[in-house]
């Protein structure tokens, strides 16, 4: 019979020495303490003392199988068709009302992205036009604290767009030709 050092004990399933304070060691010690015996397809949950299925979520965590198989799928749902009057929210994959806050935001971004055309490169500074008024993807424009639209106001003179908070904003002249977003009344 194999003898283990003081800080280890024998795993009866494998015949190997395992650390007492390790995951398997704790399970083995709990089995010894617990008079409760689990069927072959189950294992004891050390936190609750209950038997859980080995192939279940908690059982897989206890037995140390790959975390990829345990985690819920974080992939977005495949795009499906929504009923009339609704549109798919690309962030969640859910159908939302076209005339609701989120739906209006999505509709405005869809319209802008479908209108985009290639802008000719020129060496001179671009004058603000509707072509330059493009949705920005940088973090500055999508902060939770930013209520105004994710578009540069200097490129969208006089335009009315929905902001990140769902309200309508208009680009107005502020100082010396600098434009800013103001809540439309």
C-alpha atoms as a PDB file:
ATOM      1  CA  UNK A   1       0.000   0.000   0.000  1.00  0.00           C
ATOM      2  CA  UNK A   2       1.216   3.485  -0.968  1.00  0.00           C
ATOM      3  CA  UNK A   3       2.052   5.879   1.864  1.00  0.00           C
ATOM      4  CA  UNK A   4       1.598   9.609   1.393  1.00  0.00           C
ATOM      5  CA  UNK A   5       3.276  12.527   3.206  1.00  0.00           C
ATOM      6  CA  UNK A   6       1.360  14.226   6.049  1.00  0.00           C
ATOM      7  CA  UNK A   7       0.044  17.041   3.852  1.00  0.00           C
ATOM      8  CA  UNK A   8      -1.366  14.540   1.310  1.00  0.00           C
ATOM      9  CA  UNK A   9      -3.798  11.641   1.242  1.00  0.00           C
ATOM     10  CA  UNK A  10      -4.526   8.727  -1.114  1.00  0.00           C
ATOM     11  CA  UNK A  11      -7.165   9.134  -3.782  1.00  0.00           C
ATOM     12  CA  UNK A  12      -8.953   5.742  -3.751  1.00  0.00           C
ATOM     13  CA  UNK A  13     -10.151   6.203  -7.344  1.00  0.00           C
ATOM     14  CA  UNK A  14      -6.647   6.679  -8.822  1.00  0.00           C
ATOM     15  CA  UNK A  15      -4.329   5.356  -6.088  1.00  0.00           C
ATOM     16  CA  UNK A  16      -2.285   8.588  -6.251  1.00  0.00           C
ATOM     17  CA  UNK A  17      -1.390  11.008  -3.479  1.00  0.00           C
ATOM     18  CA  UNK A  18      -3.279  14.308  -3.586  1.00  0.00           C
ATOM     19  CA  UNK A  19      -2.951  17.485  -1.507  1.00  0.00           C
ATOM     20  CA  UNK A  20      -5.365  17.688   1.423  1.00  0.00           C
ATOM     21  CA  UNK A  21      -6.074  21.364   0.735  1.00  0.00           C
ATOM     22  CA  UNK A  22      -6.481  20.794  -3.024  1.00  0.00           C
ATOM     23  CA  UNK A  23      -9.771  20.402  -4.884  1.00  0.00           C
ATOM     24  CA  UNK A  24      -9.732  16.594  -4.943  1.00  0.00           C
ATOM     25  CA  UNK A  25      -8.359  16.350  -1.403  1.00  0.00           C
ATOM     26  CA  UNK A  26     -11.178  18.494  -0.032  1.00  0.00           C
ATOM     27  CA  UNK A  27     -13.720  16.308  -1.820  1.00  0.00           C
ATOM     28  CA  UNK A  28     -12.170  13.156  -0.377  1.00  0.00           C
ATOM     29  CA  UNK A  29     -12.107  14.583   3.152  1.00  0.00           C
ATOM     30  CA  UNK A  30     -15.740  15.609   2.801  1.00  0.00           C
ATOM     31  CA  UNK A  31     -16.649  12.094   1.671  1.00  0.00           C
ATOM     32  CA  UNK A  32     -14.958  10.670   4.767  1.00  0.00           C
ATOM     33  CA  UNK A  33     -16.755  13.128   7.069  1.00  0.00           C
ATOM     34  CA  UNK A  34     -20.094  12.761   5.361  1.00  0.00           C
ATOM     35  CA  UNK A  35     -22.043   9.625   6.009  1.00  0.00           C
ATOM     36  CA  UNK A  36     -24.004  10.425   2.878  1.00  0.00           C
ATOM     37  CA  UNK A  37     -23.034   8.310  -0.106  1.00  0.00           C
ATOM     38  CA  UNK A  38     -23.775   9.306  -3.656  1.00  0.00           C
ATOM     39  CA  UNK A  39     -24.591   7.025  -6.593  1.00  0.00           C
ATOM     40  CA  UNK A  40     -21.852   6.393  -9.173  1.00  0.00           C
ATOM     41  CA  UNK A  41     -23.190   9.037 -11.558  1.00  0.00           C
ATOM     42  CA  UNK A  42     -23.138  11.726  -8.827  1.00  0.00           C
ATOM     43  CA  UNK A  43     -20.574  13.519  -6.652  1.00  0.00           C
ATOM     44  CA  UNK A  44     -20.858  15.421  -3.347  1.00  0.00           C
ATOM     45  CA  UNK A  45     -20.942  19.200  -3.575  1.00  0.00           C
ATOM     46  CA  UNK A  46     -18.618  20.318  -0.738  1.00  0.00           C
ATOM     47  CA  UNK A  47     -20.437  23.617  -0.266  1.00  0.00           C
ATOM     48  CA  UNK A  48     -23.880  22.088   0.248  1.00  0.00           C
ATOM     49  CA  UNK A  49     -23.142  18.463   1.107  1.00  0.00           C
ATOM     50  CA  UNK A  50     -25.679  17.388  -1.538  1.00  0.00           C
ATOM     51  CA  UNK A  51     -25.166  14.937  -4.362  1.00  0.00           C
ATOM     52  CA  UNK A  52     -24.966  16.526  -7.799  1.00  0.00           C
ATOM     53  CA  UNK A  53     -24.738  14.900 -11.233  1.00  0.00           C
ATOM     54  CA  UNK A  54     -21.185  14.485 -12.503  1.00  0.00           C
ATOM     55  CA  UNK A  55     -22.219  15.581 -15.980  1.00  0.00           C
ATOM     56  CA  UNK A  56     -24.166  18.609 -14.680  1.00  0.00           C
ATOM     57  CA  UNK A  57     -22.850  22.163 -14.464  1.00  0.00           C
ATOM     58  CA  UNK A  58     -21.799  21.980 -10.797  1.00  0.00           C
ATOM     59  CA  UNK A  59     -20.481  18.439 -11.126  1.00  0.00           C
ATOM     60  CA  UNK A  60     -18.279  19.418 -14.060  1.00  0.00           C
ATOM     61  CA  UNK A  61     -16.935  22.354 -12.049  1.00  0.00           C
ATOM     62  CA  UNK A  62     -16.165  20.106  -9.091  1.00  0.00           C
ATOM     63  CA  UNK A  63     -14.461  17.492 -11.226  1.00  0.00           C
ATOM     64  CA  UNK A  64     -12.479  20.163 -13.068  1.00  0.00           C
ATOM     65  CA  UNK A  65     -13.570  19.560 -16.632  1.00  0.00           C
ATOM     66  CA  UNK A  66     -12.823  22.297 -19.140  1.00  0.00           C
ATOM     67  CA  UNK A  67     -14.512  25.562 -18.227  1.00  0.00           C
ATOM     68  CA  UNK A  68     -15.477  26.103 -21.852  1.00  0.00           C
ATOM     69  CA  UNK A  69     -18.050  23.327 -21.662  1.00  0.00           C
ATOM     70  CA  UNK A  70     -19.428  24.646 -18.372  1.00  0.00           C
ATOM     71  CA  UNK A  71     -19.858  28.297 -19.268  1.00  0.00           C
ATOM     72  CA  UNK A  72     -23.043  29.327 -20.920  1.00  0.00           C
ATOM     73  CA  UNK A  73     -22.680  30.210 -24.548  1.00  0.00           C
ATOM     74  CA  UNK A  74     -21.965  33.908 -24.879  1.00  0.00           C
ATOM     75  CA  UNK A  75     -22.397  33.907 -28.638  1.00  0.00           C
ATOM     76  CA  UNK A  76     -25.142  36.139 -29.921  1.00  0.00           C
ATOM     77  CA  UNK A  77     -28.234  34.357 -31.079  1.00  0.00           C
ATOM     78  CA  UNK A  78     -28.472  33.770 -34.785  1.00  0.00           C
ATOM     79  CA  UNK A  79     -30.429  36.448 -36.540  1.00  0.00           C
ATOM     80  CA  UNK A  80     -34.073  35.566 -36.954  1.00  0.00           C
ATOM     81  CA  UNK A  81     -37.012  37.406 -38.458  1.00  0.00           C
ATOM     82  CA  UNK A  82     -38.987  39.762 -36.277  1.00  0.00           C
ATOM     83  CA  UNK A  83     -42.711  40.440 -36.579  1.00  0.00           C
ATOM     84  CA  UNK A  84     -43.944  43.562 -38.389  1.00  0.00           C
ATOM     85  CA  UNK A  85     -43.164  46.776 -36.527  1.00  0.00           C
ATOM     86  CA  UNK A  86     -40.096  45.295 -34.823  1.00  0.00           C
ATOM     87  CA  UNK A  87     -36.359  45.126 -35.606  1.00  0.00           C
ATOM     88  CA  UNK A  88     -33.502  42.990 -34.265  1.00  0.00           C
ATOM     89  CA  UNK A  89     -31.270  44.615 -31.665  1.00  0.00           C
ATOM     90  CA  UNK A  90     -27.778  43.586 -32.846  1.00  0.00           C
ATOM     91  CA  UNK A  91     -26.370  43.797 -29.299  1.00  0.00           C
ATOM     92  CA  UNK A  92     -28.835  41.338 -27.754  1.00  0.00           C
ATOM     93  CA  UNK A  93     -30.380  39.498 -30.695  1.00  0.00           C
ATOM     94  CA  UNK A  94     -33.862  40.357 -29.374  1.00  0.00           C
ATOM     95  CA  UNK A  95     -36.696  41.954 -31.333  1.00  0.00           C
ATOM     96  CA  UNK A  96     -37.482  45.523 -30.269  1.00  0.00           C
ATOM     97  CA  UNK A  97     -40.196  47.955 -31.377  1.00  0.00           C
ATOM     98  CA  UNK A  98     -39.125  50.205 -34.249  1.00  0.00           C
ATOM     99  CA  UNK A  99     -40.831  53.192 -32.641  1.00  0.00           C
ATOM    100  CA  UNK A 100     -39.263  52.593 -29.202  1.00  0.00           C
ATOM    101  CA  UNK A 101     -36.078  54.246 -27.884  1.00  0.00           C
ATOM    102  CA  UNK A 102     -33.762  51.382 -28.824  1.00  0.00           C
ATOM    103  CA  UNK A 103     -35.516  50.764 -32.127  1.00  0.00           C
ATOM    104  CA  UNK A 104     -35.134  54.403 -33.157  1.00  0.00           C
ATOM    105  CA  UNK A 105     -31.434  54.288 -32.302  1.00  0.00           C
ATOM    106  CA  UNK A 106     -30.958  51.151 -34.353  1.00  0.00           C
ATOM    107  CA  UNK A 107     -32.969  52.561 -37.251  1.00  0.00           C
ATOM    108  CA  UNK A 108     -30.897  55.763 -37.297  1.00  0.00           C
ATOM    109  CA  UNK A 109     -27.639  53.811 -37.296  1.00  0.00           C
ATOM    110  CA  UNK A 110     -28.904  51.424 -39.995  1.00  0.00           C
ATOM    111  CA  UNK A 111     -29.913  54.323 -42.227  1.00  0.00           C
ATOM    112  CA  UNK A 112     -26.544  56.012 -41.739  1.00  0.00           C
ATOM    113  CA  UNK A 113     -24.581  52.846 -42.461  1.00  0.00           C
ATOM    114  CA  UNK A 114     -26.602  52.067 -45.591  1.00  0.00           C
ATOM    115  CA  UNK A 115     -26.090  55.633 -46.917  1.00  0.00           C
ATOM    116  CA  UNK A 116     -22.306  55.627 -46.394  1.00  0.00           C
ATOM    117  CA  UNK A 117     -20.385  56.108 -49.609  1.00  0.00           C
ATOM    118  CA  UNK A 118     -16.688  56.175 -50.169  1.00  0.00           C
ATOM    119  CA  UNK A 119     -15.292  59.627 -49.495  1.00  0.00           C
ATOM    120  CA  UNK A 120     -12.565  60.831 -51.850  1.00  0.00           C
ATOM    121  CA  UNK A 121      -9.293  61.595 -50.118  1.00  0.00           C
ATOM    122  CA  UNK A 122      -8.016  65.124 -50.580  1.00  0.00           C
ATOM    123  CA  UNK A 123      -4.996  66.933 -49.241  1.00  0.00           C
ATOM    124  CA  UNK A 124      -7.079  69.945 -48.159  1.00  0.00           C
ATOM    125  CA  UNK A 125      -9.072  70.020 -44.954  1.00  0.00           C
ATOM    126  CA  UNK A 126     -12.562  68.583 -45.413  1.00  0.00           C
ATOM    127  CA  UNK A 127     -15.470  70.933 -45.063  1.00  0.00           C
ATOM    128  CA  UNK A 128     -18.317  69.634 -42.938  1.00  0.00           C
ATOM    129  CA  UNK A 129     -20.851  67.887 -45.151  1.00  0.00           C
ATOM    130  CA  UNK A 130     -23.409  65.175 -44.727  1.00  0.00           C
ATOM    131  CA  UNK A 131     -20.790  62.731 -46.045  1.00  0.00           C
ATOM    132  CA  UNK A 132     -18.457  63.519 -43.120  1.00  0.00           C
ATOM    133  CA  UNK A 133     -21.216  63.123 -40.535  1.00  0.00           C
ATOM    134  CA  UNK A 134     -20.460  59.453 -39.794  1.00  0.00           C
ATOM    135  CA  UNK A 135     -21.160  57.352 -36.716  1.00  0.00           C
ATOM    136  CA  UNK A 136     -18.005  57.044 -34.615  1.00  0.00           C
ATOM    137  CA  UNK A 137     -16.880  53.763 -33.069  1.00  0.00           C
ATOM    138  CA  UNK A 138     -14.274  55.042 -30.626  1.00  0.00           C
ATOM    139  CA  UNK A 139     -14.855  54.737 -26.885  1.00  0.00           C
ATOM    140  CA  UNK A 140     -15.253  58.521 -26.478  1.00  0.00           C
ATOM    141  CA  UNK A 141     -18.543  58.424 -28.374  1.00  0.00           C
ATOM    142  CA  UNK A 142     -19.980  55.373 -26.582  1.00  0.00           C
ATOM    143  CA  UNK A 143     -19.307  56.122 -22.910  1.00  0.00           C
ATOM    144  CA  UNK A 144     -22.222  55.536 -20.562  1.00  0.00           C
ATOM    145  CA  UNK A 145     -21.918  59.160 -19.455  1.00  0.00           C
ATOM    146  CA  UNK A 146     -22.274  60.531 -23.007  1.00  0.00           C
ATOM    147  CA  UNK A 147     -25.923  61.304 -23.724  1.00  0.00           C
ATOM    148  CA  UNK A 148     -25.445  62.990 -27.110  1.00  0.00           C
ATOM    149  CA  UNK A 149     -25.232  61.100 -30.434  1.00  0.00           C
ATOM    150  CA  UNK A 150     -22.089  59.119 -31.337  1.00  0.00           C
ATOM    151  CA  UNK A 151     -21.322  61.574 -34.162  1.00  0.00           C
ATOM    152  CA  UNK A 152     -18.910  64.551 -34.174  1.00  0.00           C
ATOM    153  CA  UNK A 153     -21.019  67.712 -33.887  1.00  0.00           C
ATOM    154  CA  UNK A 154     -18.489  69.688 -35.969  1.00  0.00           C
ATOM    155  CA  UNK A 155     -19.141  67.381 -38.911  1.00  0.00           C
ATOM    156  CA  UNK A 156     -22.941  67.420 -38.579  1.00  0.00           C
ATOM    157  CA  UNK A 157     -23.874  71.139 -38.783  1.00  0.00           C
ATOM    158  CA  UNK A 158     -27.580  71.605 -38.105  1.00  0.00           C
ATOM    159  CA  UNK A 159     -28.341  67.836 -38.152  1.00  0.00           C
ATOM    160  CA  UNK A 160     -30.887  66.300 -35.790  1.00  0.00           C
ATOM    161  CA  UNK A 161     -29.956  62.827 -34.515  1.00  0.00           C
ATOM    162  CA  UNK A 162     -30.923  60.527 -31.667  1.00  0.00           C
ATOM    163  CA  UNK A 163     -28.464  60.498 -28.779  1.00  0.00           C
ATOM    164  CA  UNK A 164     -27.143  57.523 -26.800  1.00  0.00           C
ATOM    165  CA  UNK A 165     -29.921  58.195 -24.273  1.00  0.00           C
ATOM    166  CA  UNK A 166     -32.647  57.964 -26.957  1.00  0.00           C
ATOM    167  CA  UNK A 167     -33.496  61.703 -27.023  1.00  0.00           C
ATOM    168  CA  UNK A 168     -33.286  63.889 -30.135  1.00  0.00           C
ATOM    169  CA  UNK A 169     -30.262  66.238 -30.339  1.00  0.00           C
ATOM    170  CA  UNK A 170     -29.362  68.972 -32.826  1.00  0.00           C
ATOM    171  CA  UNK A 171     -25.848  70.162 -33.744  1.00  0.00           C
ATOM    172  CA  UNK A 172     -25.671  73.929 -33.084  1.00  0.00           C
ATOM    173  CA  UNK A 173     -22.898  76.542 -33.334  1.00  0.00           C
ATOM    174  CA  UNK A 174     -21.367  77.181 -29.926  1.00  0.00           C
ATOM    175  CA  UNK A 175     -18.305  79.459 -30.149  1.00  0.00           C
ATOM    176  CA  UNK A 176     -16.075  80.526 -33.071  1.00  0.00           C
ATOM    177  CA  UNK A 177     -17.465  77.967 -35.496  1.00  0.00           C
ATOM    178  CA  UNK A 178     -17.303  75.098 -32.960  1.00  0.00           C
ATOM    179  CA  UNK A 179     -20.449  72.981 -32.903  1.00  0.00           C
ATOM    180  CA  UNK A 180     -21.977  71.072 -30.005  1.00  0.00           C
ATOM    181  CA  UNK A 181     -24.966  68.799 -29.456  1.00  0.00           C
ATOM    182  CA  UNK A 182     -27.980  70.380 -27.766  1.00  0.00           C
ATOM    183  CA  UNK A 183     -31.146  68.624 -26.677  1.00  0.00           C
ATOM    184  CA  UNK A 184     -33.895  69.367 -29.184  1.00  0.00           C
ATOM    185  CA  UNK A 185     -36.991  70.895 -27.591  1.00  0.00           C
END
